[in-house]
Amino acid sequence: MFLGAVYSKGDNQWTISIELNGKPTEFQIDTGAEASLIPEEVYKKVGSPTLSKVHQTFRGPNKAVIPVMGHFIEHKSNETQQEIYVVKRLHRPLLGQPAIQVLGLVKQIE
């Protein structure tokens, strides 16, 4: 699974606040990420939901393996449910393609 994010000072970031486990969490919208991720610190702030084992390998922009601690499912009543992956030393929460599409945040132009 590919996860791509390159940061530079002064970037105009697209962000959205989404509740995780009832706690507002600011995510960067990352159309290049194939999954949604949060740093370990944010995971602890949202109450440390039970993690399930991850059975796939995650890679960053330089193809380096990203160590994923596990994942949990975030339920939004009748709206959606999304897998959220927890990563040590991640800079900020990233909202990936599956959630971006379900929430209708970005429209693909053909």
PDB file of N, CA and C in Angstrom:
ATOM      1  N   MET A   1       0.852  -1.154   0.000  1.00  0.00           N
ATOM      2  CA  MET A   1       0.000   0.000   0.000  1.00  0.00           C
ATOM      3  C   MET A   1       0.905   1.226   0.000  1.00  0.00           C
ATOM      4  N   PHE A   2       0.609   2.212  -0.831  1.00  0.00           N
ATOM      5  CA  PHE A   2       1.442   3.405  -0.951  1.00  0.00           C
ATOM      6  C   PHE A   2       0.884   4.547  -0.122  1.00  0.00           C
ATOM      7  N   LEU A   3       1.761   5.201   0.598  1.00  0.00           N
ATOM      8  CA  LEU A   3       1.399   6.366   1.397  1.00  0.00           C
ATOM      9  C   LEU A   3       2.382   7.463   1.074  1.00  0.00           C
ATOM     10  N   GLY A   4       1.920   8.517   0.428  1.00  0.00           N
ATOM     11  CA  GLY A   4       2.853   9.558   0.018  1.00  0.00           C
ATOM     12  C   GLY A   4       2.517  10.901   0.593  1.00  0.00           C
ATOM     13  N   ALA A   5       3.463  11.479   1.299  1.00  0.00           N
ATOM     14  CA  ALA A   5       3.294  12.838   1.803  1.00  0.00           C
ATOM     15  C   ALA A   5       4.666  13.466   1.920  1.00  0.00           C
ATOM     16  N   VAL A   6       4.829  14.618   1.302  1.00  0.00           N
ATOM     17  CA  VAL A   6       6.072  15.365   1.399  1.00  0.00           C
ATOM     18  C   VAL A   6       5.713  16.711   2.003  1.00  0.00           C
ATOM     19  N   TYR A   7       6.412  17.117   3.039  1.00  0.00           N
ATOM     20  CA  TYR A   7       6.093  18.349   3.747  1.00  0.00           C
ATOM     21  C   TYR A   7       7.153  19.405   3.499  1.00  0.00           C
ATOM     22  N   SER A   8       6.734  20.644   3.441  1.00  0.00           N
ATOM     23  CA  SER A   8       7.673  21.754   3.425  1.00  0.00           C
ATOM     24  C   SER A   8       7.055  22.890   4.227  1.00  0.00           C
ATOM     25  N   LYS A   9       7.899  23.713   4.783  1.00  0.00           N
ATOM     26  CA  LYS A   9       7.430  24.821   5.592  1.00  0.00           C
ATOM     27  C   LYS A   9       6.596  25.773   4.734  1.00  0.00           C
ATOM     28  N   GLY A  10       5.464  26.198   5.258  1.00  0.00           N
ATOM     29  CA  GLY A  10       4.646  27.157   4.542  1.00  0.00           C
ATOM     30  C   GLY A  10       3.678  26.548   3.543  1.00  0.00           C
ATOM     31  N   ASP A  11       3.584  25.197   3.488  1.00  0.00           N
ATOM     32  CA  ASP A  11       2.623  24.577   2.578  1.00  0.00           C
ATOM     33  C   ASP A  11       1.211  25.034   2.914  1.00  0.00           C
ATOM     34  N   ASN A  12       0.399  25.209   1.912  1.00  0.00           N
ATOM     35  CA  ASN A  12      -1.011  25.489   2.099  1.00  0.00           C
ATOM     36  C   ASN A  12      -1.715  24.135   2.213  1.00  0.00           C
ATOM     37  N   GLN A  13      -1.914  23.679   3.440  1.00  0.00           N
ATOM     38  CA  GLN A  13      -2.440  22.329   3.674  1.00  0.00           C
ATOM     39  C   GLN A  13      -3.967  22.297   3.592  1.00  0.00           C
ATOM     40  N   TRP A  14      -4.477  21.277   2.942  1.00  0.00           N
ATOM     41  CA  TRP A  14      -5.910  21.003   2.972  1.00  0.00           C
ATOM     42  C   TRP A  14      -6.147  20.168   4.217  1.00  0.00           C
ATOM     43  N   THR A  15      -6.981  20.648   5.120  1.00  0.00           N
ATOM     44  CA  THR A  15      -7.249  19.892   6.340  1.00  0.00           C
ATOM     45  C   THR A  15      -8.743  19.829   6.596  1.00  0.00           C
ATOM     46  N   ILE A  16      -9.111  18.852   7.424  1.00  0.00           N
ATOM     47  CA  ILE A  16     -10.504  18.680   7.822  1.00  0.00           C
ATOM     48  C   ILE A  16     -10.507  18.107   9.229  1.00  0.00           C
ATOM     49  N   SER A  17     -11.454  18.555  10.038  1.00  0.00           N
ATOM     50  CA  SER A  17     -11.609  18.021  11.385  1.00  0.00           C
ATOM     51  C   SER A  17     -12.645  16.896  11.348  1.00  0.00           C
ATOM     52  N   ILE A  18     -12.236  15.741  11.811  1.00  0.00           N
ATOM     53  CA  ILE A  18     -13.112  14.562  11.838  1.00  0.00           C
ATOM     54  C   ILE A  18     -13.064  13.976  13.238  1.00  0.00           C
ATOM     55  N   GLU A  19     -14.205  13.567  13.766  1.00  0.00           N
ATOM     56  CA  GLU A  19     -14.222  12.960  15.090  1.00  0.00           C
ATOM     57  C   GLU A  19     -13.738  11.525  15.022  1.00  0.00           C
ATOM     58  N   LEU A  20     -12.786  11.208  15.886  1.00  0.00           N
ATOM     59  CA  LEU A  20     -12.328   9.835  16.084  1.00  0.00           C
ATOM     60  C   LEU A  20     -12.646   9.468  17.522  1.00  0.00           C
ATOM     61  N   ASN A  21     -13.445   8.447  17.698  1.00  0.00           N
ATOM     62  CA  ASN A  21     -13.800   7.996  19.040  1.00  0.00           C
ATOM     63  C   ASN A  21     -14.370   9.166  19.864  1.00  0.00           C
ATOM     64  N   GLY A  22     -15.129  10.065  19.185  1.00  0.00           N
ATOM     65  CA  GLY A  22     -15.756  11.193  19.847  1.00  0.00           C
ATOM     66  C   GLY A  22     -14.855  12.402  20.070  1.00  0.00           C
ATOM     67  N   LYS A  23     -13.610  12.336  19.610  1.00  0.00           N
ATOM     68  CA  LYS A  23     -12.656  13.439  19.794  1.00  0.00           C
ATOM     69  C   LYS A  23     -12.340  14.093  18.444  1.00  0.00           C
ATOM     70  N   PRO A  24     -12.496  15.433  18.323  1.00  0.00           N
ATOM     71  CA  PRO A  24     -12.165  16.102  17.063  1.00  0.00           C
ATOM     72  C   PRO A  24     -10.680  15.925  16.736  1.00  0.00           C
ATOM     73  N   THR A  25     -10.396  15.522  15.499  1.00  0.00           N
ATOM     74  CA  THR A  25      -9.021  15.261  15.068  1.00  0.00           C
ATOM     75  C   THR A  25      -8.806  15.935  13.720  1.00  0.00           C
ATOM     76  N   GLU A  26      -7.752  16.728  13.617  1.00  0.00           N
ATOM     77  CA  GLU A  26      -7.434  17.454  12.391  1.00  0.00           C
ATOM     78  C   GLU A  26      -6.606  16.556  11.468  1.00  0.00           C
ATOM     79  N   PHE A  27      -7.137  16.262  10.280  1.00  0.00           N
ATOM     80  CA  PHE A  27      -6.463  15.430   9.286  1.00  0.00           C
ATOM     81  C   PHE A  27      -6.011  16.278   8.112  1.00  0.00           C
ATOM     82  N   GLN A  28      -4.874  15.956   7.552  1.00  0.00           N
ATOM     83  CA  GLN A  28      -4.481  16.525   6.261  1.00  0.00           C
ATOM     84  C   GLN A  28      -5.100  15.649   5.188  1.00  0.00           C
ATOM     85  N   ILE A  29      -5.747  16.249   4.210  1.00  0.00           N
ATOM     86  CA  ILE A  29      -6.315  15.502   3.091  1.00  0.00           C
ATOM     87  C   ILE A  29      -5.161  15.140   2.163  1.00  0.00           C
ATOM     88  N   ASP A  30      -4.928  13.846   2.002  1.00  0.00           N
ATOM     89  CA  ASP A  30      -3.785  13.362   1.218  1.00  0.00           C
ATOM     90  C   ASP A  30      -4.291  12.444   0.106  1.00  0.00           C
ATOM     91  N   THR A  31      -4.510  13.020  -1.078  1.00  0.00           N
ATOM     92  CA  THR A  31      -5.051  12.253  -2.200  1.00  0.00           C
ATOM     93  C   THR A  31      -4.084  11.195  -2.715  1.00  0.00           C
ATOM     94  N   GLY A  32      -2.833  11.238  -2.285  1.00  0.00           N
ATOM     95  CA  GLY A  32      -1.855  10.231  -2.701  1.00  0.00           C
ATOM     96  C   GLY A  32      -1.788   9.041  -1.770  1.00  0.00           C
ATOM     97  N   ALA A  33      -2.428   9.127  -0.614  1.00  0.00           N
ATOM     98  CA  ALA A  33      -2.381   8.032   0.366  1.00  0.00           C
ATOM     99  C   ALA A  33      -3.511   7.039   0.117  1.00  0.00           C
ATOM    100  N   GLU A  34      -3.188   5.771   0.147  1.00  0.00           N
ATOM    101  CA  GLU A  34      -4.182   4.717  -0.079  1.00  0.00           C
ATOM    102  C   GLU A  34      -4.887   4.287   1.202  1.00  0.00           C
ATOM    103  N   ALA A  35      -4.555   4.926   2.333  1.00  0.00           N
ATOM    104  CA  ALA A  35      -5.180   4.609   3.619  1.00  0.00           C
ATOM    105  C   ALA A  35      -5.132   5.847   4.500  1.00  0.00           C
ATOM    106  N   SER A  36      -5.933   5.845   5.564  1.00  0.00           N
ATOM    107  CA  SER A  36      -5.921   6.930   6.536  1.00  0.00           C
ATOM    108  C   SER A  36      -5.076   6.512   7.729  1.00  0.00           C
ATOM    109  N   LEU A  37      -4.199   7.429   8.170  1.00  0.00           N
ATOM    110  CA  LEU A  37      -3.261   7.117   9.241  1.00  0.00           C
ATOM    111  C   LEU A  37      -3.272   8.189  10.310  1.00  0.00           C
ATOM    112  N   ILE A  38      -2.957   7.770  11.537  1.00  0.00           N
ATOM    113  CA  ILE A  38      -2.765   8.730  12.621  1.00  0.00           C
ATOM    114  C   ILE A  38      -1.483   8.377  13.358  1.00  0.00           C
ATOM    115  N   PRO A  39      -0.827   9.401  13.941  1.00  0.00           N
ATOM    116  CA  PRO A  39       0.356   9.138  14.760  1.00  0.00           C
ATOM    117  C   PRO A  39      -0.035   8.451  16.068  1.00  0.00           C
ATOM    118  N   GLU A  40       0.917   7.794  16.681  1.00  0.00           N
ATOM    119  CA  GLU A  40       0.681   7.114  17.957  1.00  0.00           C
ATOM    120  C   GLU A  40       0.155   8.089  19.014  1.00  0.00           C
ATOM    121  N   GLU A  41       0.664   9.323  19.038  1.00  0.00           N
ATOM    122  CA  GLU A  41       0.224  10.309  20.030  1.00  0.00           C
ATOM    123  C   GLU A  41      -1.262  10.619  19.889  1.00  0.00           C
ATOM    124  N   VAL A  42      -1.742  10.736  18.660  1.00  0.00           N
ATOM    125  CA  VAL A  42      -3.161  11.004  18.416  1.00  0.00           C
ATOM    126  C   VAL A  42      -3.986   9.783  18.821  1.00  0.00           C
ATOM    127  N   TYR A  43      -3.485   8.600  18.518  1.00  0.00           N
ATOM    128  CA  TYR A  43      -4.148   7.353  18.913  1.00  0.00           C
ATOM    129  C   TYR A  43      -4.398   7.346  20.424  1.00  0.00           C
ATOM    130  N   LYS A  44      -3.410   7.754  21.192  1.00  0.00           N
ATOM    131  CA  LYS A  44      -3.558   7.790  22.654  1.00  0.00           C
ATOM    132  C   LYS A  44      -4.575   8.848  23.069  1.00  0.00           C
ATOM    133  N   LYS A  45      -4.590  10.007  22.382  1.00  0.00           N
ATOM    134  CA  LYS A  45      -5.525  11.090  22.711  1.00  0.00           C
ATOM    135  C   LYS A  45      -6.975  10.714  22.441  1.00  0.00           C
ATOM    136  N   VAL A  46      -7.210   9.822  21.474  1.00  0.00           N
ATOM    137  CA  VAL A  46      -8.581   9.418  21.155  1.00  0.00           C
ATOM    138  C   VAL A  46      -9.007   8.175  21.927  1.00  0.00           C
ATOM    139  N   GLY A  47      -8.236   7.825  22.951  1.00  0.00           N
ATOM    140  CA  GLY A  47      -8.655   6.745  23.849  1.00  0.00           C
ATOM    141  C   GLY A  47      -8.070   5.380  23.578  1.00  0.00           C
ATOM    142  N   SER A  48      -7.120   5.265  22.700  1.00  0.00           N
ATOM    143  CA  SER A  48      -6.442   3.996  22.396  1.00  0.00           C
ATOM    144  C   SER A  48      -7.411   2.840  22.111  1.00  0.00           C
ATOM    145  N   PRO A  49      -8.238   2.971  21.059  1.00  0.00           N
ATOM    146  CA  PRO A  49      -9.137   1.860  20.717  1.00  0.00           C
ATOM    147  C   PRO A  49      -8.330   0.584  20.445  1.00  0.00           C
ATOM    148  N   THR A  50      -8.958  -0.548  20.634  1.00  0.00           N
ATOM    149  CA  THR A  50      -8.289  -1.829  20.406  1.00  0.00           C
ATOM    150  C   THR A  50      -7.809  -1.927  18.963  1.00  0.00           C
ATOM    151  N   LEU A  51      -6.542  -2.299  18.797  1.00  0.00           N
ATOM    152  CA  LEU A  51      -5.958  -2.421  17.453  1.00  0.00           C
ATOM    153  C   LEU A  51      -6.025  -3.848  16.944  1.00  0.00           C
ATOM    154  N   SER A  52      -6.261  -3.992  15.666  1.00  0.00           N
ATOM    155  CA  SER A  52      -6.182  -5.286  14.982  1.00  0.00           C
ATOM    156  C   SER A  52      -4.860  -5.341  14.233  1.00  0.00           C
ATOM    157  N   LYS A  53      -4.388  -6.554  14.015  1.00  0.00           N
ATOM    158  CA  LYS A  53      -3.125  -6.755  13.302  1.00  0.00           C
ATOM    159  C   LYS A  53      -3.272  -6.343  11.830  1.00  0.00           C
ATOM    160  N   VAL A  54      -2.195  -5.819  11.277  1.00  0.00           N
ATOM    161  CA  VAL A  54      -2.171  -5.408   9.872  1.00  0.00           C
ATOM    162  C   VAL A  54      -1.483  -6.502   9.068  1.00  0.00           C
ATOM    163  N   HIS A  55      -2.088  -6.918   7.949  1.00  0.00           N
ATOM    164  CA  HIS A  55      -1.558  -8.014   7.135  1.00  0.00           C
ATOM    165  C   HIS A  55      -0.987  -7.542   5.808  1.00  0.00           C
ATOM    166  N   GLN A  56      -0.668  -6.275   5.694  1.00  0.00           N
ATOM    167  CA  GLN A  56      -0.098  -5.766   4.458  1.00  0.00           C
ATOM    168  C   GLN A  56       1.080  -4.858   4.798  1.00  0.00           C
ATOM    169  N   THR A  57       1.895  -4.585   3.805  1.00  0.00           N
ATOM    170  CA  THR A  57       3.054  -3.729   3.989  1.00  0.00           C
ATOM    171  C   THR A  57       2.731  -2.333   3.478  1.00  0.00           C
ATOM    172  N   PHE A  58       3.069  -1.321   4.271  1.00  0.00           N
ATOM    173  CA  PHE A  58       2.871   0.070   3.889  1.00  0.00           C
ATOM    174  C   PHE A  58       4.218   0.656   3.493  1.00  0.00           C
ATOM    175  N   ARG A  59       4.217   1.451   2.420  1.00  0.00           N
ATOM    176  CA  ARG A  59       5.447   2.076   1.947  1.00  0.00           C
ATOM    177  C   ARG A  59       5.221   3.566   1.734  1.00  0.00           C
ATOM    178  N   GLY A  60       6.268   4.351   2.006  1.00  0.00           N
ATOM    179  CA  GLY A  60       6.228   5.796   1.829  1.00  0.00           C
ATOM    180  C   GLY A  60       6.690   6.178   0.439  1.00  0.00           C
ATOM    181  N   PRO A  61       6.829   7.495   0.194  1.00  0.00           N
ATOM    182  CA  PRO A  61       7.215   7.983  -1.131  1.00  0.00           C
ATOM    183  C   PRO A  61       8.549   7.440  -1.627  1.00  0.00           C
ATOM    184  N   ASN A  62       9.469   7.147  -0.700  1.00  0.00           N
ATOM    185  CA  ASN A  62      10.781   6.620  -1.108  1.00  0.00           C
ATOM    186  C   ASN A  62      10.815   5.090  -1.102  1.00  0.00           C
ATOM    187  N   LYS A  63       9.657   4.472  -1.032  1.00  0.00           N
ATOM    188  CA  LYS A  63       9.486   3.014  -1.022  1.00  0.00           C
ATOM    189  C   LYS A  63       9.925   2.357   0.283  1.00  0.00           C
ATOM    190  N   ALA A  64      10.302   3.157   1.286  1.00  0.00           N
ATOM    191  CA  ALA A  64      10.690   2.612   2.589  1.00  0.00           C
ATOM    192  C   ALA A  64       9.453   2.057   3.295  1.00  0.00           C
ATOM    193  N   VAL A  65       9.633   0.964   4.019  1.00  0.00           N
ATOM    194  CA  VAL A  65       8.537   0.350   4.761  1.00  0.00           C
ATOM    195  C   VAL A  65       8.175   1.240   5.949  1.00  0.00           C
ATOM    196  N   ILE A  66       6.883   1.467   6.141  1.00  0.00           N
ATOM    197  CA  ILE A  66       6.370   2.259   7.252  1.00  0.00           C
ATOM    198  C   ILE A  66       5.875   1.290   8.321  1.00  0.00           C
ATOM    199  N   PRO A  67       6.419   1.400   9.549  1.00  0.00           N
ATOM    200  CA  PRO A  67       6.002   0.484  10.618  1.00  0.00           C
ATOM    201  C   PRO A  67       4.616   0.850  11.166  1.00  0.00           C
ATOM    202  N   VAL A  68       3.640   0.020  10.893  1.00  0.00           N
ATOM    203  CA  VAL A  68       2.267   0.247  11.337  1.00  0.00           C
ATOM    204  C   VAL A  68       2.024  -0.585  12.592  1.00  0.00           C
ATOM    205  N   MET A  69       1.522   0.072  13.640  1.00  0.00           N
ATOM    206  CA  MET A  69       1.263  -0.614  14.910  1.00  0.00           C
ATOM    207  C   MET A  69       0.027  -1.506  14.833  1.00  0.00           C
ATOM    208  N   GLY A  70      -0.940  -1.112  14.021  1.00  0.00           N
ATOM    209  CA  GLY A  70      -2.192  -1.843  13.890  1.00  0.00           C
ATOM    210  C   GLY A  70      -3.254  -0.904  13.348  1.00  0.00           C
ATOM    211  N   HIS A  71      -4.485  -1.384  13.306  1.00  0.00           N
ATOM    212  CA  HIS A  71      -5.574  -0.522  12.829  1.00  0.00           C
ATOM    213  C   HIS A  71      -6.842  -0.770  13.622  1.00  0.00           C
ATOM    214  N   PHE A  72      -7.752   0.197  13.549  1.00  0.00           N
ATOM    215  CA  PHE A  72      -9.072   0.059  14.151  1.00  0.00           C
ATOM    216  C   PHE A  72     -10.090   0.611  13.171  1.00  0.00           C
ATOM    217  N   ILE A  73     -11.349   0.254  13.372  1.00  0.00           N
ATOM    218  CA  ILE A  73     -12.438   0.723  12.514  1.00  0.00           C
ATOM    219  C   ILE A  73     -13.152   1.859  13.226  1.00  0.00           C
ATOM    220  N   GLU A  74     -13.271   2.982  12.547  1.00  0.00           N
ATOM    221  CA  GLU A  74     -14.014   4.128  13.079  1.00  0.00           C
ATOM    222  C   GLU A  74     -15.397   4.113  12.436  1.00  0.00           C
ATOM    223  N   HIS A  75     -16.432   4.025  13.262  1.00  0.00           N
ATOM    224  CA  HIS A  75     -17.821   3.975  12.781  1.00  0.00           C
ATOM    225  C   HIS A  75     -18.455   5.350  12.900  1.00  0.00           C
ATOM    226  N   LYS A  76     -19.156   5.751  11.883  1.00  0.00           N
ATOM    227  CA  LYS A  76     -19.916   7.004  11.894  1.00  0.00           C
ATOM    228  C   LYS A  76     -21.380   6.696  11.614  1.00  0.00           C
ATOM    229  N   SER A  77     -22.073   6.143  12.581  1.00  0.00           N
ATOM    230  CA  SER A  77     -23.484   5.760  12.478  1.00  0.00           C
ATOM    231  C   SER A  77     -23.835   5.289  11.070  1.00  0.00           C
ATOM    232  N   ASN A  78     -24.705   5.998  10.394  1.00  0.00           N
ATOM    233  CA  ASN A  78     -25.118   5.582   9.048  1.00  0.00           C
ATOM    234  C   ASN A  78     -24.237   6.173   7.949  1.00  0.00           C
ATOM    235  N   GLU A  79     -23.261   7.017   8.318  1.00  0.00           N
ATOM    236  CA  GLU A  79     -22.442   7.695   7.319  1.00  0.00           C
ATOM    237  C   GLU A  79     -21.424   6.758   6.675  1.00  0.00           C
ATOM    238  N   THR A  80     -20.479   6.281   7.468  1.00  0.00           N
ATOM    239  CA  THR A  80     -19.376   5.498   6.916  1.00  0.00           C
ATOM    240  C   THR A  80     -18.629   4.786   8.025  1.00  0.00           C
ATOM    241  N   GLN A  81     -17.821   3.836   7.654  1.00  0.00           N
ATOM    242  CA  GLN A  81     -16.861   3.263   8.582  1.00  0.00           C
ATOM    243  C   GLN A  81     -15.535   3.152   7.836  1.00  0.00           C
ATOM    244  N   GLN A  82     -14.481   3.552   8.501  1.00  0.00           N
ATOM    245  CA  GLN A  82     -13.176   3.606   7.858  1.00  0.00           C
ATOM    246  C   GLN A  82     -12.124   2.925   8.715  1.00  0.00           C
ATOM    247  N   GLU A  83     -11.177   2.275   8.054  1.00  0.00           N
ATOM    248  CA  GLU A  83     -10.032   1.717   8.759  1.00  0.00           C
ATOM    249  C   GLU A  83      -9.051   2.857   9.008  1.00  0.00           C
ATOM    250  N   ILE A  84      -8.593   2.975  10.248  1.00  0.00           N
ATOM    251  CA  ILE A  84      -7.616   3.985  10.639  1.00  0.00           C
ATOM    252  C   ILE A  84      -6.370   3.229  11.107  1.00  0.00           C
ATOM    253  N   TYR A  85      -5.233   3.522  10.480  1.00  0.00           N
ATOM    254  CA  TYR A  85      -3.979   2.849  10.797  1.00  0.00           C
ATOM    255  C   TYR A  85      -3.140   3.735  11.705  1.00  0.00           C
ATOM    256  N   VAL A  86      -2.488   3.114  12.695  1.00  0.00           N
ATOM    257  CA  VAL A  86      -1.681   3.839  13.665  1.00  0.00           C
ATOM    258  C   VAL A  86      -0.206   3.627  13.341  1.00  0.00           C
ATOM    259  N   VAL A  87       0.524   4.751  13.228  1.00  0.00           N
ATOM    260  CA  VAL A  87       1.931   4.709  12.832  1.00  0.00           C
ATOM    261  C   VAL A  87       2.764   5.508  13.830  1.00  0.00           C
ATOM    262  N   LYS A  88       3.843   4.902  14.309  1.00  0.00           N
ATOM    263  CA  LYS A  88       4.773   5.631  15.179  1.00  0.00           C
ATOM    264  C   LYS A  88       5.501   6.686  14.355  1.00  0.00           C
ATOM    265  N   ARG A  89       5.792   7.811  14.978  1.00  0.00           N
ATOM    266  CA  ARG A  89       6.596   8.876  14.384  1.00  0.00           C
ATOM    267  C   ARG A  89       5.998   9.466  13.099  1.00  0.00           C
ATOM    268  N   LEU A  90       4.697   9.381  12.925  1.00  0.00           N
ATOM    269  CA  LEU A  90       4.034  10.043  11.807  1.00  0.00           C
ATOM    270  C   LEU A  90       3.894  11.521  12.168  1.00  0.00           C
ATOM    271  N   HIS A  91       4.099  12.403  11.210  1.00  0.00           N
ATOM    272  CA  HIS A  91       4.102  13.847  11.459  1.00  0.00           C
ATOM    273  C   HIS A  91       2.711  14.377  11.824  1.00  0.00           C
ATOM    274  N   ARG A  92       1.691  13.966  11.081  1.00  0.00           N
ATOM    275  CA  ARG A  92       0.327  14.436  11.328  1.00  0.00           C
ATOM    276  C   ARG A  92      -0.652  13.398  10.776  1.00  0.00           C
ATOM    277  N   PRO A  93      -1.914  13.412  11.246  1.00  0.00           N
ATOM    278  CA  PRO A  93      -2.912  12.494  10.701  1.00  0.00           C
ATOM    279  C   PRO A  93      -3.127  12.757   9.207  1.00  0.00           C
ATOM    280  N   LEU A  94      -3.244  11.684   8.442  1.00  0.00           N
ATOM    281  CA  LEU A  94      -3.471  11.772   6.995  1.00  0.00           C
ATOM    282  C   LEU A  94      -4.790  11.090   6.652  1.00  0.00           C
ATOM    283  N   LEU A  95      -5.632  11.785   5.926  1.00  0.00           N
ATOM    284  CA  LEU A  95      -6.890  11.213   5.449  1.00  0.00           C
ATOM    285  C   LEU A  95      -6.648  10.719   4.034  1.00  0.00           C
ATOM    286  N   GLY A  96      -6.747   9.409   3.834  1.00  0.00           N
ATOM    287  CA  GLY A  96      -6.435   8.796   2.545  1.00  0.00           C
ATOM    288  C   GLY A  96      -7.622   8.667   1.610  1.00  0.00           C
ATOM    289  N   GLN A  97      -7.337   8.140   0.419  1.00  0.00           N
ATOM    290  CA  GLN A  97      -8.312   8.052  -0.665  1.00  0.00           C
ATOM    291  C   GLN A  97      -9.654   7.429  -0.300  1.00  0.00           C
ATOM    292  N   PRO A  98      -9.685   6.275   0.420  1.00  0.00           N
ATOM    293  CA  PRO A  98     -11.002   5.689   0.703  1.00  0.00           C
ATOM    294  C   PRO A  98     -11.936   6.650   1.452  1.00  0.00           C
ATOM    295  N   ALA A  99     -11.424   7.298   2.496  1.00  0.00           N
ATOM    296  CA  ALA A  99     -12.255   8.228   3.278  1.00  0.00           C
ATOM    297  C   ALA A  99     -12.561   9.494   2.479  1.00  0.00           C
ATOM    298  N   ILE A 100     -11.597   9.977   1.723  1.00  0.00           N
ATOM    299  CA  ILE A 100     -11.805  11.170   0.897  1.00  0.00           C
ATOM    300  C   ILE A 100     -12.955  10.939  -0.079  1.00  0.00           C
ATOM    301  N   GLN A 101     -12.991   9.774  -0.705  1.00  0.00           N
ATOM    302  CA  GLN A 101     -14.046   9.465  -1.666  1.00  0.00           C
ATOM    303  C   GLN A 101     -15.398   9.326  -0.991  1.00  0.00           C
ATOM    304  N   VAL A 102     -15.459   8.586   0.113  1.00  0.00           N
ATOM    305  CA  VAL A 102     -16.726   8.373   0.812  1.00  0.00           C
ATOM    306  C   VAL A 102     -17.298   9.691   1.321  1.00  0.00           C
ATOM    307  N   LEU A 103     -16.437  10.576   1.802  1.00  0.00           N
ATOM    308  CA  LEU A 103     -16.895  11.855   2.333  1.00  0.00           C
ATOM    309  C   LEU A 103     -17.123  12.903   1.244  1.00  0.00           C
ATOM    310  N   GLY A 104     -16.783  12.581  -0.001  1.00  0.00           N
ATOM    311  CA  GLY A 104     -17.002  13.489  -1.117  1.00  0.00           C
ATOM    312  C   GLY A 104     -16.167  14.763  -1.046  1.00  0.00           C
ATOM    313  N   LEU A 105     -14.956  14.655  -0.530  1.00  0.00           N
ATOM    314  CA  LEU A 105     -14.108  15.840  -0.337  1.00  0.00           C
ATOM    315  C   LEU A 105     -13.395  16.308  -1.591  1.00  0.00           C
ATOM    316  N   VAL A 106     -13.096  15.387  -2.487  1.00  0.00           N
ATOM    317  CA  VAL A 106     -12.402  15.723  -3.722  1.00  0.00           C
ATOM    318  C   VAL A 106     -13.134  15.028  -4.859  1.00  0.00           C
ATOM    319  N   LYS A 107     -13.349  15.745  -5.938  1.00  0.00           N
ATOM    320  CA  LYS A 107     -14.020  15.162  -7.090  1.00  0.00           C
ATOM    321  C   LYS A 107     -13.005  14.922  -8.199  1.00  0.00           C
ATOM    322  N   GLN A 108     -13.031  13.732  -8.746  1.00  0.00           N
ATOM    323  CA  GLN A 108     -12.123  13.392  -9.853  1.00  0.00           C
ATOM    324  C   GLN A 108     -12.713  13.922 -11.157  1.00  0.00           C
ATOM    325  N   ILE A 109     -11.890  14.639 -11.911  1.00  0.00           N
ATOM    326  CA  ILE A 109     -12.321  15.183 -13.199  1.00  0.00           C
ATOM    327  C   ILE A 109     -11.815  14.280 -14.299  1.00  0.00           C
ATOM    328  N   GLU A 110     -12.699  13.875 -15.180  1.00  0.00           N
ATOM    329  CA  GLU A 110     -12.291  12.958 -16.244  1.00  0.00           C
ATOM    330  C   GLU A 110     -11.989  13.701 -17.522  1.00  0.00           C
TER     331      GLU A 110
END
